[in-house]
Amino acid sequence: MDVDTIEQLAALVDRIEATPDLTVVVFQSDNPDFFMAHFDFLADKARIAAMKPGPTGLHPYSDNFIRLSAVPGVTISAIKGRVRGAGSEFALATDIRFAGPRAILGQFEVGIGAVPGGNATGHLGRLVGRGRAMEILLGADDFPAEPAAEYGYVNRVLPAGDLDAFVDAFARRIAGFDKVAVAGTKALISENTRIPDEEFGSALSAYFQTVGRPENGHRVRRLFEGGLQKPDGVELDLGKQVAEQT
């Protein structure tokens, strides 16, 4: 995820909000190894800082996740591969997460000396409970599909080869129901589980204050030396690798 991704996601949320007869949206990746890796560590920091606030009044990164969670339609993430950091925060902003057996989820930010910026703290604290959220976030390790489902990080794990067909059938099932009933039910669930917008602003501020500090530069440098942001490097085992960069 980079600045372009943030802008593209904002435009997509605009389209979803402006399509009243849209009931379900499914997000998936054609890459079997990666759903969405994480934020681009080489992204233009000045451009990120200069981005204008979104409709919520917050930075577009936070604004996207808040608005995505609030769209009347149901949003589903179908996760086959790795999804960490900003990618995990994107998936957490969707309503439902289904995983294949090779899916790997994680929030590795603490492992590089940063606080998660997309309010994974708020989402996971509510989804899995305080203790398990502490384990996921402070351990900064990879979570394979089965324990992720056991904890509530994802809804369920589907057998190999079954994920696409299951998600398609489930999405079509919901899409066949009355939109008013679907949107109204989602709204009532959200009313009782809603995360205040202010939490997202606080999380992103904490991320900007902690990421890239000089005392942690060696951690990120060693990860890049090991192939960070390359499909066949440390990304394959990032949860283990961040613990070895101390």
Foldseek 3Di string as FASTA:
>chain_A
DAPVVLVVLVVVLVVLQVDLLAAEDEQADPDLADSDQEYDPPYDPVVQVPAADDPVRARSLQVSLQSQLQRLHAYEYEFRHEAEQSRLLNRLSGDAYEYEQHYKYAYQQVLLFAFRQNPPVLSLCLQQNDVVSCCRHVLRFIDGQPVCCVRRSHVYYDYPPCRVVVVVVVRVVRSPDDSVVSSVVSVVVCVVRPDDSVSNRVSNVRRVVTPPDPVSVQLVVVQVVQPPPHPPGCSSGVRVSSVVSD
